[in-house]
Amino acid sequence: TDYKYKKYFDIFMIILIFVSVAILIREVKSHVNDSLLFFNNFII
């Protein structure tokens, strides 16, 4: 926790989490772009 770059890593991972959940919510009733699905299912 004292490492100066850890907070940036944590922020990056938190952003990925919220992006992933946002894509899942949108997918319930709307069509999601294939590139977003690929990003969510594979990249993240």
All heavy atoms as atom14 arrays in JSON, in Angstrom:
{
  "sequence": "TDYKYKKYFDIFMIILIFVSVAILIREVKSHVNDSLLFFNNFII",
  "atom14_mask": [
    [1, 1, 1, 1, 1, 1, 1, 0, 0, 0, 0, 0, 0, 0],
    [1, 1, 1, 1, 1, 1, 1, 1, 0, 0, 0, 0, 0, 0],
    [1, 1, 1, 1, 1, 1, 1, 1, 1, 1, 1, 1, 0, 0],
    [1, 1, 1, 1, 1, 1, 1, 1, 1, 0, 0, 0, 0, 0],
    [1, 1, 1, 1, 1, 1, 1, 1, 1, 1, 1, 1, 0, 0],
    [1, 1, 1, 1, 1, 1, 1, 1, 1, 0, 0, 0, 0, 0],
    [1, 1, 1, 1, 1, 1, 1, 1, 1, 0, 0, 0, 0, 0],
    [1, 1, 1, 1, 1, 1, 1, 1, 1, 1, 1, 1, 0, 0],
    [1, 1, 1, 1, 1, 1, 1, 1, 1, 1, 1, 0, 0, 0],
    [1, 1, 1, 1, 1, 1, 1, 1, 0, 0, 0, 0, 0, 0],
    [1, 1, 1, 1, 1, 1, 1, 1, 0, 0, 0, 0, 0, 0],
    [1, 1, 1, 1, 1, 1, 1, 1, 1, 1, 1, 0, 0, 0],
    [1, 1, 1, 1, 1, 1, 1, 1, 0, 0, 0, 0, 0, 0],
    [1, 1, 1, 1, 1, 1, 1, 1, 0, 0, 0, 0, 0, 0],
    [1, 1, 1, 1, 1, 1, 1, 1, 0, 0, 0, 0, 0, 0],
    [1, 1, 1, 1, 1, 1, 1, 1, 0, 0, 0, 0, 0, 0],
    [1, 1, 1, 1, 1, 1, 1, 1, 0, 0, 0, 0, 0, 0],
    [1, 1, 1, 1, 1, 1, 1, 1, 1, 1, 1, 0, 0, 0],
    [1, 1, 1, 1, 1, 1, 1, 0, 0, 0, 0, 0, 0, 0],
    [1, 1, 1, 1, 1, 1, 0, 0, 0, 0, 0, 0, 0, 0],
    [1, 1, 1, 1, 1, 1, 1, 0, 0, 0, 0, 0, 0, 0],
    [1, 1, 1, 1, 1, 0, 0, 0, 0, 0, 0, 0, 0, 0],
    [1, 1, 1, 1, 1, 1, 1, 1, 0, 0, 0, 0, 0, 0],
    [1, 1, 1, 1, 1, 1, 1, 1, 0, 0, 0, 0, 0, 0],
    [1, 1, 1, 1, 1, 1, 1, 1, 0, 0, 0, 0, 0, 0],
    [1, 1, 1, 1, 1, 1, 1, 1, 1, 1, 1, 0, 0, 0],
    [1, 1, 1, 1, 1, 1, 1, 1, 1, 0, 0, 0, 0, 0],
    [1, 1, 1, 1, 1, 1, 1, 0, 0, 0, 0, 0, 0, 0],
    [1, 1, 1, 1, 1, 1, 1, 1, 1, 0, 0, 0, 0, 0],
    [1, 1, 1, 1, 1, 1, 0, 0, 0, 0, 0, 0, 0, 0],
    [1, 1, 1, 1, 1, 1, 1, 1, 1, 1, 0, 0, 0, 0],
    [1, 1, 1, 1, 1, 1, 1, 0, 0, 0, 0, 0, 0, 0],
    [1, 1, 1, 1, 1, 1, 1, 1, 0, 0, 0, 0, 0, 0],
    [1, 1, 1, 1, 1, 1, 1, 1, 0, 0, 0, 0, 0, 0],
    [1, 1, 1, 1, 1, 1, 0, 0, 0, 0, 0, 0, 0, 0],
    [1, 1, 1, 1, 1, 1, 1, 1, 0, 0, 0, 0, 0, 0],
    [1, 1, 1, 1, 1, 1, 1, 1, 0, 0, 0, 0, 0, 0],
    [1, 1, 1, 1, 1, 1, 1, 1, 1, 1, 1, 0, 0, 0],
    [1, 1, 1, 1, 1, 1, 1, 1, 1, 1, 1, 0, 0, 0],
    [1, 1, 1, 1, 1, 1, 1, 1, 0, 0, 0, 0, 0, 0],
    [1, 1, 1, 1, 1, 1, 1, 1, 0, 0, 0, 0, 0, 0],
    [1, 1, 1, 1, 1, 1, 1, 1, 1, 1, 1, 0, 0, 0],
    [1, 1, 1, 1, 1, 1, 1, 1, 0, 0, 0, 0, 0, 0],
    [1, 1, 1, 1, 1, 1, 1, 1, 0, 0, 0, 0, 0, 0]
  ],
  "atom14_positions": [
    [[0.81, -1.22, 0.0], [0.0, 0.0, 0.0], [0.85, 1.27, 0.0], [0.34, 2.35, -0.31], [-0.93, 0.02, 1.22], [-0.15, -0.14, 2.42], [-1.96, -1.1, 1.14], [0.0, 0.0, 0.0], [0.0, 0.0, 0.0], [0.0, 0.0, 0.0], [0.0, 0.0, 0.0], [0.0, 0.0, 0.0], [0.0, 0.0, 0.0], [0.0, 0.0, 0.0]],
    [[2.13, 1.15, 0.36], [3.01, 2.32, 0.38], [3.63, 2.59, -0.99], [4.26, 3.64, -1.18], [4.13, 2.13, 1.41], [3.59, 2.04, 2.82], [2.56, 2.67, 3.08], [4.19, 1.33, 3.65], [0.0, 0.0, 0.0], [0.0, 0.0, 0.0], [0.0, 0.0, 0.0], [0.0, 0.0, 0.0], [0.0, 0.0, 0.0], [0.0, 0.0, 0.0]],
    [[3.5, 1.66, -1.91], [4.09, 1.83, -3.24], [3.34, 2.91, -4.0], [2.1, 2.89, -4.08], [4.04, 0.5, -3.99], [4.79, 0.48, -5.3], [6.12, 0.85, -5.38], [4.16, 0.1, -6.48], [6.81, 0.83, -6.58], [4.84, 0.05, -7.69], [6.17, 0.42, -7.72], [6.85, 0.41, -8.91], [0.0, 0.0, 0.0], [0.0, 0.0, 0.0]],
    [[4.08, 3.88, -4.55], [3.43, 5.06, -5.11], [2.56, 4.76, -6.34], [1.63, 5.52, -6.65], [4.49, 6.11, -5.47], [5.52, 5.66, -6.47], [6.53, 6.78, -6.73], [7.61, 6.35, -7.72], [8.58, 7.44, -7.97], [0.0, 0.0, 0.0], [0.0, 0.0, 0.0], [0.0, 0.0, 0.0], [0.0, 0.0, 0.0], [0.0, 0.0, 0.0]],
    [[2.85, 3.66, -7.07], [2.07, 3.35, -8.27], [0.89, 2.42, -7.99], [0.08, 2.19, -8.88], [2.97, 2.73, -9.33], [4.04, 3.67, -9.83], [5.39, 3.39, -9.64], [3.71, 4.86, -10.48], [6.39, 4.26, -10.08], [4.69, 5.73, -10.93], [6.03, 5.42, -10.72], [7.0, 6.29, -11.16], [0.0, 0.0, 0.0], [0.0, 0.0, 0.0]],
    [[0.8, 1.89, -6.78], [-0.28, 0.94, -6.49], [-1.66, 1.59, -6.61], [-2.6, 0.97, -7.11], [-0.11, 0.34, -5.09], [-1.26, -0.6, -4.71], [-1.02, -1.32, -3.43], [-2.28, -2.04, -2.96], [-2.88, -2.89, -4.0], [0.0, 0.0, 0.0], [0.0, 0.0, 0.0], [0.0, 0.0, 0.0], [0.0, 0.0, 0.0], [0.0, 0.0, 0.0]],
    [[-1.78, 2.84, -6.16], [-3.09, 3.49, -6.2], [-3.59, 3.66, -7.64], [-4.79, 3.55, -7.91], [-3.05, 4.84, -5.49], [-2.14, 5.87, -6.1], [-2.2, 7.18, -5.31], [-1.29, 8.24, -5.91], [-1.35, 9.51, -5.14], [0.0, 0.0, 0.0], [0.0, 0.0, 0.0], [0.0, 0.0, 0.0], [0.0, 0.0, 0.0], [0.0, 0.0, 0.0]],
    [[-2.65, 3.87, -8.58], [-3.04, 3.98, -9.99], [-3.51, 2.64, -10.53], [-4.46, 2.56, -11.31], [-1.87, 4.52, -10.82], [-1.4, 5.88, -10.37], [-0.15, 6.04, -9.77], [-2.21, 7.0, -10.53], [0.28, 7.29, -9.36], [-1.77, 8.26, -10.12], [-0.53, 8.39, -9.53], [-0.1, 9.62, -9.11], [0.0, 0.0, 0.0], [0.0, 0.0, 0.0]],
    [[-2.83, 1.58, -10.11], [-3.25, 0.23, -10.5], [-4.63, -0.08, -9.95], [-5.5, -0.62, -10.66], [-2.23, -0.8, -10.0], [-2.65, -2.22, -10.19], [-2.59, -2.83, -11.43], [-3.15, -2.97, -9.12], [-2.99, -4.14, -11.62], [-3.55, -4.28, -9.29], [-3.47, -4.86, -10.55], [0.0, 0.0, 0.0], [0.0, 0.0, 0.0], [0.0, 0.0, 0.0]],
    [[-4.87, 0.27, -8.68], [-6.17, 0.01, -8.05], [-7.29, 0.79, -8.76], [-8.37, 0.25, -9.01], [-6.13, 0.4, -6.57], [-5.25, -0.52, -5.75], [-4.89, -1.6, -6.27], [-4.92, -0.17, -4.61], [0.0, 0.0, 0.0], [0.0, 0.0, 0.0], [0.0, 0.0, 0.0], [0.0, 0.0, 0.0], [0.0, 0.0, 0.0], [0.0, 0.0, 0.0]],
    [[-7.01, 2.04, -9.1], [-8.0, 2.86, -9.81], [-8.32, 2.24, -11.18], [-9.49, 2.17, -11.59], [-7.49, 4.31, -9.97], [-7.44, 5.0, -8.61], [-8.39, 5.1, -10.93], [-6.77, 6.35, -8.63], [0.0, 0.0, 0.0], [0.0, 0.0, 0.0], [0.0, 0.0, 0.0], [0.0, 0.0, 0.0], [0.0, 0.0, 0.0], [0.0, 0.0, 0.0]],
    [[-7.28, 1.77, -11.86], [-7.46, 1.14, -13.17], [-8.34, -0.1, -13.06], [-9.27, -0.3, -13.86], [-6.09, 0.77, -13.76], [-6.16, -0.06, -15.01], [-6.59, 0.49, -16.21], [-5.8, -1.4, -14.99], [-6.66, -0.27, -17.37], [-5.86, -2.18, -16.14], [-6.3, -1.6, -17.33], [0.0, 0.0, 0.0], [0.0, 0.0, 0.0], [0.0, 0.0, 0.0]],
    [[-8.1, -0.93, -12.05], [-8.88, -2.15, -11.87], [-10.33, -1.82, -11.48], [-11.27, -2.5, -11.92], [-8.24, -3.03, -10.8], [-6.84, -3.53, -11.16], [-6.79, -4.52, -12.66], [-7.48, -6.06, -12.07], [0.0, 0.0, 0.0], [0.0, 0.0, 0.0], [0.0, 0.0, 0.0], [0.0, 0.0, 0.0], [0.0, 0.0, 0.0], [0.0, 0.0, 0.0]],
    [[-10.53, -0.8, -10.66], [-11.89, -0.39, -10.28], [-12.67, 0.08, -11.5], [-13.86, -0.24, -11.67], [-11.83, 0.72, -9.2], [-11.33, 0.13, -7.88], [-13.2, 1.36, -9.0], [-11.05, 1.17, -6.81], [0.0, 0.0, 0.0], [0.0, 0.0, 0.0], [0.0, 0.0, 0.0], [0.0, 0.0, 0.0], [0.0, 0.0, 0.0], [0.0, 0.0, 0.0]],
    [[-12.01, 0.83, -12.38], [-12.66, 1.29, -13.61], [-13.07, 0.1, -14.47], [-14.19, 0.06, -15.02], [-11.72, 2.23, -14.4], [-11.55, 3.55, -13.64], [-12.27, 2.49, -15.8], [-10.5, 4.46, -14.25], [0.0, 0.0, 0.0], [0.0, 0.0, 0.0], [0.0, 0.0, 0.0], [0.0, 0.0, 0.0], [0.0, 0.0, 0.0], [0.0, 0.0, 0.0]],
    [[-12.21, -0.89, -14.59], [-12.54, -2.1, -15.36], [-13.75, -2.81, -14.78], [-14.61, -3.32, -15.53], [-11.34, -3.05, -15.39], [-10.13, -2.65, -16.24], [-9.08, -3.76, -16.2], [-10.55, -2.39, -17.68], [0.0, 0.0, 0.0], [0.0, 0.0, 0.0], [0.0, 0.0, 0.0], [0.0, 0.0, 0.0], [0.0, 0.0, 0.0], [0.0, 0.0, 0.0]],
    [[-13.84, -2.86, -13.47], [-14.98, -3.52, -12.8], [-16.28, -2.82, -13.16], [-17.26, -3.47, -13.56], [-14.76, -3.54, -11.28], [-13.62, -4.49, -10.9], [-16.05, -3.96, -10.56], [-13.18, -4.38, -9.46], [0.0, 0.0, 0.0], [0.0, 0.0, 0.0], [0.0, 0.0, 0.0], [0.0, 0.0, 0.0], [0.0, 0.0, 0.0], [0.0, 0.0, 0.0]],
    [[-16.31, -1.51, -13.04], [-17.55, -0.77, -13.32], [-17.9, -0.81, -14.81], [-19.09, -0.86, -15.16], [-17.41, 0.67, -12.84], [-17.58, 0.82, -11.35], [-16.53, 1.23, -10.56], [-18.79, 0.55, -10.75], [-16.68, 1.36, -9.18], [-18.96, 0.67, -9.38], [-17.9, 1.08, -8.59], [0.0, 0.0, 0.0], [0.0, 0.0, 0.0], [0.0, 0.0, 0.0]],
    [[-16.9, -0.78, -15.67], [-17.16, -0.89, -17.11], [-17.78, -2.25, -17.42], [-18.75, -2.35, -18.19], [-15.86, -0.69, -17.92], [-16.05, -1.1, -19.37], [-15.4, 0.76, -17.85], [0.0, 0.0, 0.0], [0.0, 0.0, 0.0], [0.0, 0.0, 0.0], [0.0, 0.0, 0.0], [0.0, 0.0, 0.0], [0.0, 0.0, 0.0], [0.0, 0.0, 0.0]],
    [[-17.23, -3.29, -16.81], [-17.72, -4.64, -17.04], [-19.18, -4.79, -16.6], [-20.01, -5.36, -17.32], [-16.84, -5.64, -16.28], [-17.28, -6.94, -16.48], [0.0, 0.0, 0.0], [0.0, 0.0, 0.0], [0.0, 0.0, 0.0], [0.0, 0.0, 0.0], [0.0, 0.0, 0.0], [0.0, 0.0, 0.0], [0.0, 0.0, 0.0], [0.0, 0.0, 0.0]],
    [[-19.51, -4.28, -15.42], [-20.88, -4.37, -14.91], [-21.82, -3.51, -15.75], [-22.97, -3.9, -16.02], [-20.92, -3.95, -13.43], [-22.37, -3.9, -12.92], [-20.1, -4.9, -12.58], [0.0, 0.0, 0.0], [0.0, 0.0, 0.0], [0.0, 0.0, 0.0], [0.0, 0.0, 0.0], [0.0, 0.0, 0.0], [0.0, 0.0, 0.0], [0.0, 0.0, 0.0]],
    [[-21.36, -2.34, -16.2], [-22.19, -1.46, -17.03], [-22.56, -2.13, -18.35], [-23.7, -2.03, -18.82], [-21.44, -0.15, -17.29], [0.0, 0.0, 0.0], [0.0, 0.0, 0.0], [0.0, 0.0, 0.0], [0.0, 0.0, 0.0], [0.0, 0.0, 0.0], [0.0, 0.0, 0.0], [0.0, 0.0, 0.0], [0.0, 0.0, 0.0], [0.0, 0.0, 0.0]],
    [[-21.61, -2.85, -18.94], [-21.88, -3.58, -20.19], [-22.9, -4.68, -19.94], [-23.81, -4.9, -20.75], [-20.58, -4.15, -20.77], [-19.65, -3.01, -21.23], [-20.87, -5.08, -21.95], [-18.28, -3.47, -21.66], [0.0, 0.0, 0.0], [0.0, 0.0, 0.0], [0.0, 0.0, 0.0], [0.0, 0.0, 0.0], [0.0, 0.0, 0.0], [0.0, 0.0, 0.0]],
    [[-22.77, -5.38, -18.82], [-23.72, -6.45, -18.48], [-25.13, -5.89, -18.31], [-26.1, -6.48, -18.79], [-23.27, -7.14, -17.18], [-24.2, -8.23, -16.64], [-24.25, -9.42, -17.6], [-23.77, -8.68, -15.25], [0.0, 0.0, 0.0], [0.0, 0.0, 0.0], [0.0, 0.0, 0.0], [0.0, 0.0, 0.0], [0.0, 0.0, 0.0], [0.0, 0.0, 0.0]],
    [[-25.27, -4.74, -17.64], [-26.59, -4.14, -17.43], [-27.2, -3.7, -18.77], [-28.4, -3.93, -19.02], [-26.47, -2.93, -16.47], [-26.05, -3.42, -15.07], [-27.78, -2.16, -16.4], [-25.71, -2.3, -14.12], [0.0, 0.0, 0.0], [0.0, 0.0, 0.0], [0.0, 0.0, 0.0], [0.0, 0.0, 0.0], [0.0, 0.0, 0.0], [0.0, 0.0, 0.0]],
    [[-26.39, -3.1, -19.61], [-26.9, -2.63, -20.91], [-27.33, -3.8, -21.79], [-28.28, -3.7, -22.58], [-25.83, -1.8, -21.62], [-26.3, -1.27, -22.96], [-25.31, -0.28, -23.56], [-25.73, 0.14, -24.88], [-26.67, 1.05, -25.14], [-27.31, 1.63, -24.13], [-26.99, 1.38, -26.38], [0.0, 0.0, 0.0], [0.0, 0.0, 0.0], [0.0, 0.0, 0.0]],
    [[-26.67, -4.93, -21.62], [-26.93, -6.1, -22.46], [-28.3, -6.72, -22.18], [-28.83, -7.47, -23.0], [-25.82, -7.14, -22.24], [-25.8, -8.25, -23.25], [-24.7, -9.25, -22.96], [-23.98, -9.07, -21.95], [-24.57, -10.22, -23.73], [0.0, 0.0, 0.0], [0.0, 0.0, 0.0], [0.0, 0.0, 0.0], [0.0, 0.0, 0.0], [0.0, 0.0, 0.0]],
    [[-28.89, -6.39, -21.01], [-30.16, -7.01, -20.63], [-31.28, -6.64, -21.61], [-32.04, -7.5, -22.07], [-30.55, -6.57, -19.19], [-31.95, -7.09, -18.85], [-29.53, -7.08, -18.2], [0.0, 0.0, 0.0], [0.0, 0.0, 0.0], [0.0, 0.0, 0.0], [0.0, 0.0, 0.0], [0.0, 0.0, 0.0], [0.0, 0.0, 0.0], [0.0, 0.0, 0.0]],
    [[-31.4, -5.36, -21.98], [-32.5, -4.94, -22.85], [-32.05, -4.23, -24.12], [-32.88, -3.83, -24.93], [-33.43, -3.99, -22.08], [-34.23, -4.69, -20.99], [-35.29, -3.76, -20.41], [-36.16, -4.5, -19.4], [-37.23, -3.63, -18.86], [0.0, 0.0, 0.0], [0.0, 0.0, 0.0], [0.0, 0.0, 0.0], [0.0, 0.0, 0.0], [0.0, 0.0, 0.0]],
    [[-30.76, -4.08, -24.3], [-30.27, -3.38, -25.49], [-29.17, -4.19, -26.17], [-28.51, -5.02, -25.53], [-29.72, -2.0, -25.12], [-30.69, -1.24, -24.44], [0.0, 0.0, 0.0], [0.0, 0.0, 0.0], [0.0, 0.0, 0.0], [0.0, 0.0, 0.0], [0.0, 0.0, 0.0], [0.0, 0.0, 0.0], [0.0, 0.0, 0.0], [0.0, 0.0, 0.0]],
    [[-29.01, -3.93, -27.44], [-27.94, -4.59, -28.18], [-26.61, -3.92, -27.84], [-26.5, -2.7, -27.83], [-28.19, -4.52, -29.69], [-27.05, -5.06, -30.5], [-26.76, -6.41, -30.57], [-26.12, -4.41, -31.27], [-25.71, -6.58, -31.34], [-25.3, -5.39, -31.78], [0.0, 0.0, 0.0], [0.0, 0.0, 0.0], [0.0, 0.0, 0.0], [0.0, 0.0, 0.0]],
    [[-25.63, -4.74, -27.57], [-24.3, -4.23, -27.24], [-23.37, -4.52, -28.4], [-23.36, -5.62, -28.97], [-23.75, -4.89, -25.95], [-22.34, -4.4, -25.66], [-24.67, -4.59, -24.77], [0.0, 0.0, 0.0], [0.0, 0.0, 0.0], [0.0, 0.0, 0.0], [0.0, 0.0, 0.0], [0.0, 0.0, 0.0], [0.0, 0.0, 0.0], [0.0, 0.0, 0.0]],
    [[-22.59, -3.53, -28.75], [-21.63, -3.66, -29.85], [-20.72, -4.85, -29.62], [-20.29, -5.13, -28.5], [-20.81, -2.36, -29.95], [-19.94, -2.34, -31.18], [-18.91, -2.99, -31.22], [-20.38, -1.59, -32.19], [0.0, 0.0, 0.0], [0.0, 0.0, 0.0], [0.0, 0.0, 0.0], [0.0, 0.0, 0.0], [0.0, 0.0, 0.0], [0.0, 0.0, 0.0]],
    [[-20.43, -5.56, -30.71], [-19.6, -6.77, -30.61], [-18.22, -6.47, -30.05], [-17.64, -7.29, -29.32], [-19.46, -7.44, -31.98], [-20.77, -8.04, -32.45], [-21.65, -8.28, -31.59], [-20.92, -8.29, -33.67], [0.0, 0.0, 0.0], [0.0, 0.0, 0.0], [0.0, 0.0, 0.0], [0.0, 0.0, 0.0], [0.0, 0.0, 0.0], [0.0, 0.0, 0.0]],
    [[-17.68, -5.31, -30.37], [-16.35, -4.96, -29.86], [-16.37, -4.77, -28.35], [-15.42, -5.13, -27.65], [-15.84, -3.67, -30.54], [-16.74, -2.6, -30.32], [0.0, 0.0, 0.0], [0.0, 0.0, 0.0], [0.0, 0.0, 0.0], [0.0, 0.0, 0.0], [0.0, 0.0, 0.0], [0.0, 0.0, 0.0], [0.0, 0.0, 0.0], [0.0, 0.0, 0.0]],
    [[-17.5, -4.21, -27.84], [-17.62, -4.06, -26.39], [-17.74, -5.42, -25.71], [-17.17, -5.64, -24.64], [-18.85, -3.2, -26.05], [-18.68, -1.69, -26.15], [-20.0, -0.99, -25.83], [-17.59, -1.2, -25.21], [0.0, 0.0, 0.0], [0.0, 0.0, 0.0], [0.0, 0.0, 0.0], [0.0, 0.0, 0.0], [0.0, 0.0, 0.0], [0.0, 0.0, 0.0]],
    [[-18.52, -6.32, -26.34], [-18.64, -7.67, -25.79], [-17.3, -8.39, -25.77], [-16.94, -9.08, -24.81], [-19.66, -8.48, -26.59], [-21.14, -8.12, -26.37], [-22.02, -8.94, -27.31], [-21.53, -8.35, -24.92], [0.0, 0.0, 0.0], [0.0, 0.0, 0.0], [0.0, 0.0, 0.0], [0.0, 0.0, 0.0], [0.0, 0.0, 0.0], [0.0, 0.0, 0.0]],
    [[-16.55, -8.22, -26.86], [-15.22, -8.83, -26.94], [-14.31, -8.26, -25.85], [-13.57, -8.99, -25.18], [-14.62, -8.58, -28.32], [-13.23, -9.14, -28.47], [-13.04, -10.48, -28.77], [-12.11, -8.33, -28.29], [-11.76, -11.0, -28.91], [-10.83, -8.84, -28.41], [-10.66, -10.18, -28.73], [0.0, 0.0, 0.0], [0.0, 0.0, 0.0], [0.0, 0.0, 0.0]],
    [[-14.39, -6.93, -25.66], [-13.58, -6.28, -24.63], [-13.94, -6.79, -23.23], [-13.07, -7.05, -22.4], [-13.79, -4.76, -24.7], [-13.07, -3.99, -23.64], [-11.69, -3.81, -23.7], [-13.76, -3.44, -22.56], [-11.02, -3.1, -22.72], [-13.1, -2.73, -21.57], [-11.73, -2.56, -21.65], [0.0, 0.0, 0.0], [0.0, 0.0, 0.0], [0.0, 0.0, 0.0]],
    [[-15.26, -6.97, -23.01], [-15.72, -7.41, -21.69], [-15.4, -8.88, -21.43], [-14.92, -9.25, -20.36], [-17.22, -7.17, -21.57], [-17.72, -7.38, -20.14], [-17.01, -7.14, -19.18], [-18.96, -7.82, -20.01], [0.0, 0.0, 0.0], [0.0, 0.0, 0.0], [0.0, 0.0, 0.0], [0.0, 0.0, 0.0], [0.0, 0.0, 0.0], [0.0, 0.0, 0.0]],
    [[-15.68, -9.72, -22.43], [-15.55, -11.17, -22.24], [-14.12, -11.67, -22.35], [-13.79, -12.71, -21.75], [-16.42, -11.91, -23.24], [-17.9, -11.67, -23.0], [-18.32, -11.44, -21.87], [-18.69, -11.68, -24.07], [0.0, 0.0, 0.0], [0.0, 0.0, 0.0], [0.0, 0.0, 0.0], [0.0, 0.0, 0.0], [0.0, 0.0, 0.0], [0.0, 0.0, 0.0]],
    [[-13.3, -10.96, -23.11], [-11.95, -11.45, -23.33], [-10.87, -10.56, -22.72], [-10.06, -11.03, -21.93], [-11.69, -11.61, -24.84], [-12.44, -12.74, -25.46], [-13.65, -12.53, -26.11], [-11.97, -14.04, -25.36], [-14.35, -13.57, -26.67], [-12.67, -15.09, -25.92], [-13.86, -14.86, -26.59], [0.0, 0.0, 0.0], [0.0, 0.0, 0.0], [0.0, 0.0, 0.0]],
    [[-10.88, -9.28, -23.09], [-9.8, -8.39, -22.63], [-9.82, -8.22, -21.11], [-8.8, -8.45, -20.44], [-9.89, -7.01, -23.32], [-9.89, -7.16, -24.84], [-8.74, -6.12, -22.85], [-8.63, -7.81, -25.38], [0.0, 0.0, 0.0], [0.0, 0.0, 0.0], [0.0, 0.0, 0.0], [0.0, 0.0, 0.0], [0.0, 0.0, 0.0], [0.0, 0.0, 0.0]],
    [[-10.98, -7.82, -20.57], [-11.07, -7.61, -19.11], [-10.84, -8.92, -18.37], [-10.12, -8.96, -17.36], [-12.44, -7.0, -18.74], [-12.57, -5.6, -19.34], [-12.6, -6.93, -17.21], [-13.88, -4.9, -19.01], [0.0, 0.0, 0.0], [0.0, 0.0, 0.0], [0.0, 0.0, 0.0], [0.0, 0.0, 0.0], [0.0, 0.0, 0.0], [0.0, 0.0, 0.0]]
  ]
}
